[in-house]
Amino acid sequence: MEQIILLFHLWLFALYYQPADLTKMILNEQHHNQQVEVSYRDTLIVELPYQPGTGYYWVWRQPNGCDRALKLLDEQSQSRQNRPSQDRPGLARPGQESISQLRFLVVKKEACQLNIDLKRSWEDHVLREYSVKLRIK
């Protein structure tokens, strides 16, 4: 009975175990409409500029095939230049362009096209589109 329980625990561990990132690949505007080769279990980081305070932000368009090959890990935002303003030390300047980071884990060996839209959540209109063809090996 103890062996069965041990085997069950090992099976659960193998099922949910996610090894550390093999490699991190950073994509940006230069990769738009390009084909990029990534490896299974890599971390894919897409960095795209946006203007905070306008309501526009980058949104992963699903389903488009990449929802099976990629898992969105998190979304972050950071100022393009981390220069503090004179009246507010340590903070980015108001109105300063920022970078949106979408971090994905490659979970399946499947070619797909990653589409990300710059849009407001309350509008259907897309201001800008970002697309990259992924070849996952």
C-alpha atoms as a PDB file:
ATOM      1  CA  MET A   1       0.000   0.000   0.000  1.00  0.00           C
ATOM      2  CA  GLU A   2       2.860   2.391   0.816  1.00  0.00           C
ATOM      3  CA  GLN A   3       4.359   1.741  -2.610  1.00  0.00           C
ATOM      4  CA  ILE A   4       1.071   2.653  -4.293  1.00  0.00           C
ATOM      5  CA  ILE A   5       0.882   5.903  -2.337  1.00  0.00           C
ATOM      6  CA  LEU A   6       4.511   6.700  -3.178  1.00  0.00           C
ATOM      7  CA  LEU A   7       3.913   6.001  -6.863  1.00  0.00           C
ATOM      8  CA  PHE A   8       0.803   8.185  -6.791  1.00  0.00           C
ATOM      9  CA  HIS A   9       2.789  11.061  -5.264  1.00  0.00           C
ATOM     10  CA  LEU A  10       5.546  10.647  -7.839  1.00  0.00           C
ATOM     11  CA  TRP A  11       2.951  10.661 -10.617  1.00  0.00           C
ATOM     12  CA  LEU A  12       1.382  13.876  -9.255  1.00  0.00           C
ATOM     13  CA  PHE A  13       4.798  15.492  -8.972  1.00  0.00           C
ATOM     14  CA  ALA A  14       5.668  14.576 -12.563  1.00  0.00           C
ATOM     15  CA  LEU A  15       2.299  15.870 -13.759  1.00  0.00           C
ATOM     16  CA  TYR A  16       2.632  19.330 -12.185  1.00  0.00           C
ATOM     17  CA  TYR A  17       6.400  19.782 -12.102  1.00  0.00           C
ATOM     18  CA  GLN A  18       7.584  22.730 -14.168  1.00  0.00           C
ATOM     19  CA  PRO A  19      11.361  22.931 -14.524  1.00  0.00           C
ATOM     20  CA  ALA A  20      13.167  26.250 -14.433  1.00  0.00           C
ATOM     21  CA  ASP A  21      13.176  28.272 -17.610  1.00  0.00           C
ATOM     22  CA  LEU A  22      15.465  26.745 -20.195  1.00  0.00           C
ATOM     23  CA  THR A  23      15.873  30.047 -21.963  1.00  0.00           C
ATOM     24  CA  LYS A  24      14.155  33.375 -22.122  1.00  0.00           C
ATOM     25  CA  MET A  25      13.469  34.937 -25.477  1.00  0.00           C
ATOM     26  CA  ILE A  26      12.495  38.600 -25.635  1.00  0.00           C
ATOM     27  CA  LEU A  27      10.443  39.804 -28.573  1.00  0.00           C
ATOM     28  CA  ASN A  28       9.676  43.444 -29.373  1.00  0.00           C
ATOM     29  CA  GLU A  29       8.394  45.652 -32.209  1.00  0.00           C
ATOM     30  CA  GLN A  30      11.269  44.558 -34.460  1.00  0.00           C
ATOM     31  CA  HIS A  31       9.812  41.024 -34.536  1.00  0.00           C
ATOM     32  CA  HIS A  32       6.402  42.178 -35.805  1.00  0.00           C
ATOM     33  CA  ASN A  33       5.291  40.071 -38.823  1.00  0.00           C
ATOM     34  CA  GLN A  34       8.409  37.905 -38.486  1.00  0.00           C
ATOM     35  CA  GLN A  35       8.817  34.175 -37.912  1.00  0.00           C
ATOM     36  CA  VAL A  36      10.615  33.237 -34.705  1.00  0.00           C
ATOM     37  CA  GLU A  37      11.838  29.850 -33.546  1.00  0.00           C
ATOM     38  CA  VAL A  38      11.398  29.009 -29.863  1.00  0.00           C
ATOM     39  CA  SER A  39      11.881  25.821 -27.897  1.00  0.00           C
ATOM     40  CA  TYR A  40       9.403  23.831 -25.855  1.00  0.00           C
ATOM     41  CA  ARG A  41       9.436  24.993 -22.194  1.00  0.00           C
ATOM     42  CA  ASP A  42      11.117  28.323 -23.035  1.00  0.00           C
ATOM     43  CA  THR A  43       9.852  31.557 -21.556  1.00  0.00           C
ATOM     44  CA  LEU A  44       8.735  34.014 -24.205  1.00  0.00           C
ATOM     45  CA  ILE A  45       8.598  37.683 -23.190  1.00  0.00           C
ATOM     46  CA  VAL A  46       6.894  40.181 -25.502  1.00  0.00           C
ATOM     47  CA  GLU A  47       7.762  43.825 -24.789  1.00  0.00           C
ATOM     48  CA  LEU A  48       5.636  46.455 -26.524  1.00  0.00           C
ATOM     49  CA  PRO A  49       5.356  50.225 -25.935  1.00  0.00           C
ATOM     50  CA  TYR A  50       2.158  51.963 -24.871  1.00  0.00           C
ATOM     51  CA  GLN A  51       1.091  55.282 -23.364  1.00  0.00           C
ATOM     52  CA  PRO A  52      -0.242  54.907 -19.796  1.00  0.00           C
ATOM     53  CA  GLY A  53      -3.297  56.916 -18.826  1.00  0.00           C
ATOM     54  CA  THR A  54      -4.939  56.593 -22.240  1.00  0.00           C
ATOM     55  CA  GLY A  55      -6.823  53.379 -21.440  1.00  0.00           C
ATOM     56  CA  TYR A  56      -4.955  51.491 -24.146  1.00  0.00           C
ATOM     57  CA  TYR A  57      -3.061  48.360 -23.216  1.00  0.00           C
ATOM     58  CA  TRP A  58      -1.796  45.250 -24.994  1.00  0.00           C
ATOM     59  CA  VAL A  59      -4.172  42.269 -24.959  1.00  0.00           C
ATOM     60  CA  TRP A  60      -3.439  38.722 -26.114  1.00  0.00           C
ATOM     61  CA  ARG A  61      -5.999  37.834 -28.788  1.00  0.00           C
ATOM     62  CA  GLN A  62      -7.415  34.337 -28.224  1.00  0.00           C
ATOM     63  CA  PRO A  63      -8.278  31.773 -29.502  1.00  0.00           C
ATOM     64  CA  ASN A  64      -5.954  31.649 -32.451  1.00  0.00           C
ATOM     65  CA  GLY A  65      -4.089  28.401 -31.993  1.00  0.00           C
ATOM     66  CA  CYS A  66      -1.464  29.827 -29.669  1.00  0.00           C
ATOM     67  CA  ASP A  67      -3.757  29.293 -26.690  1.00  0.00           C
ATOM     68  CA  ARG A  68      -2.817  25.585 -26.904  1.00  0.00           C
ATOM     69  CA  ALA A  69       0.915  26.200 -27.346  1.00  0.00           C
ATOM     70  CA  LEU A  70       1.405  29.070 -24.876  1.00  0.00           C
ATOM     71  CA  LYS A  71       0.418  29.717 -21.290  1.00  0.00           C
ATOM     72  CA  LEU A  72       0.248  33.365 -20.198  1.00  0.00           C
ATOM     73  CA  LEU A  73       2.248  33.603 -16.971  1.00  0.00           C
ATOM     74  CA  ASP A  74       1.877  37.292 -16.203  1.00  0.00           C
ATOM     75  CA  GLU A  75       1.594  40.819 -17.544  1.00  0.00           C
ATOM     76  CA  GLN A  76       3.692  43.704 -16.254  1.00  0.00           C
ATOM     77  CA  SER A  77       4.315  47.329 -17.074  1.00  0.00           C
ATOM     78  CA  GLN A  78       7.427  49.417 -16.595  1.00  0.00           C
ATOM     79  CA  SER A  79       8.512  52.863 -17.673  1.00  0.00           C
ATOM     80  CA  ARG A  80      10.808  52.985 -20.674  1.00  0.00           C
ATOM     81  CA  GLN A  81      13.254  55.185 -18.799  1.00  0.00           C
ATOM     82  CA  ASN A  82      13.335  54.925 -15.037  1.00  0.00           C
ATOM     83  CA  ARG A  83      14.400  58.548 -14.578  1.00  0.00           C
ATOM     84  CA  PRO A  84      12.717  60.173 -11.583  1.00  0.00           C
ATOM     85  CA  SER A  85      10.999  63.507 -11.969  1.00  0.00           C
ATOM     86  CA  GLN A  86      12.315  66.443  -9.921  1.00  0.00           C
ATOM     87  CA  ASP A  87       9.211  66.827  -7.772  1.00  0.00           C
ATOM     88  CA  ARG A  88       8.678  63.087  -7.197  1.00  0.00           C
ATOM     89  CA  PRO A  89      12.009  61.304  -6.689  1.00  0.00           C
ATOM     90  CA  GLY A  90      11.995  57.622  -7.519  1.00  0.00           C
ATOM     91  CA  LEU A  91       8.959  57.781  -9.817  1.00  0.00           C
ATOM     92  CA  ALA A  92       8.745  57.848 -13.586  1.00  0.00           C
ATOM     93  CA  ARG A  93       7.705  61.102 -15.213  1.00  0.00           C
ATOM     94  CA  PRO A  94       3.959  61.509 -15.840  1.00  0.00           C
ATOM     95  CA  GLY A  95       2.980  60.861 -19.451  1.00  0.00           C
ATOM     96  CA  GLN A  96       6.170  58.951 -20.089  1.00  0.00           C
ATOM     97  CA  GLU A  97       5.912  56.039 -22.537  1.00  0.00           C
ATOM     98  CA  SER A  98       5.946  52.643 -20.853  1.00  0.00           C
ATOM     99  CA  ILE A  99       6.632  49.071 -21.883  1.00  0.00           C
ATOM    100  CA  SER A 100       4.044  46.343 -21.502  1.00  0.00           C
ATOM    101  CA  GLN A 101       5.527  42.896 -20.870  1.00  0.00           C
ATOM    102  CA  LEU A 102       3.556  39.737 -21.542  1.00  0.00           C
ATOM    103  CA  ARG A 103       5.358  36.628 -20.316  1.00  0.00           C
ATOM    104  CA  PHE A 104       4.437  33.228 -21.770  1.00  0.00           C
ATOM    105  CA  LEU A 105       5.554  29.659 -21.153  1.00  0.00           C
ATOM    106  CA  VAL A 106       5.811  27.477 -24.252  1.00  0.00           C
ATOM    107  CA  VAL A 107       3.812  24.382 -23.279  1.00  0.00           C
ATOM    108  CA  LYS A 108       3.316  22.552 -26.566  1.00  0.00           C
ATOM    109  CA  LYS A 109       5.326  21.862 -29.702  1.00  0.00           C
ATOM    110  CA  GLU A 110       2.970  23.442 -32.181  1.00  0.00           C
ATOM    111  CA  ALA A 111       3.433  26.204 -34.735  1.00  0.00           C
ATOM    112  CA  CYS A 112       1.094  29.149 -34.250  1.00  0.00           C
ATOM    113  CA  GLN A 113       0.670  32.851 -34.779  1.00  0.00           C
ATOM    114  CA  LEU A 114       0.784  35.031 -31.670  1.00  0.00           C
ATOM    115  CA  ASN A 115      -1.508  38.069 -32.002  1.00  0.00           C
ATOM    116  CA  ILE A 116      -1.562  40.909 -29.492  1.00  0.00           C
ATOM    117  CA  ASP A 117      -3.780  43.997 -29.815  1.00  0.00           C
ATOM    118  CA  LEU A 118      -3.413  47.495 -28.392  1.00  0.00           C
ATOM    119  CA  LYS A 119      -6.945  48.422 -27.367  1.00  0.00           C
ATOM    120  CA  ARG A 120      -9.195  49.778 -24.672  1.00  0.00           C
ATOM    121  CA  SER A 121     -11.199  47.247 -22.696  1.00  0.00           C
ATOM    122  CA  TRP A 122     -14.474  49.084 -23.297  1.00  0.00           C
ATOM    123  CA  GLU A 123     -14.007  49.425 -27.079  1.00  0.00           C
ATOM    124  CA  ASP A 124     -13.950  46.932 -29.939  1.00  0.00           C
ATOM    125  CA  HIS A 125     -11.641  49.158 -31.993  1.00  0.00           C
ATOM    126  CA  VAL A 126      -8.001  48.007 -32.131  1.00  0.00           C
ATOM    127  CA  LEU A 127      -5.474  50.851 -32.294  1.00  0.00           C
ATOM    128  CA  ARG A 128      -2.453  48.695 -33.227  1.00  0.00           C
ATOM    129  CA  GLU A 129      -1.763  45.034 -33.866  1.00  0.00           C
ATOM    130  CA  TYR A 130       1.305  42.940 -33.155  1.00  0.00           C
ATOM    131  CA  SER A 131       1.764  39.553 -34.760  1.00  0.00           C
ATOM    132  CA  VAL A 132       4.581  37.031 -34.819  1.00  0.00           C
ATOM    133  CA  LYS A 133       4.661  33.508 -36.240  1.00  0.00           C
ATOM    134  CA  LEU A 134       6.084  31.021 -33.758  1.00  0.00           C
ATOM    135  CA  ARG A 135       7.842  27.847 -34.796  1.00  0.00           C
ATOM    136  CA  ILE A 136       8.111  25.724 -31.667  1.00  0.00           C
ATOM    137  CA  LYS A 137      10.681  22.962 -31.683  1.00  0.00           C
END
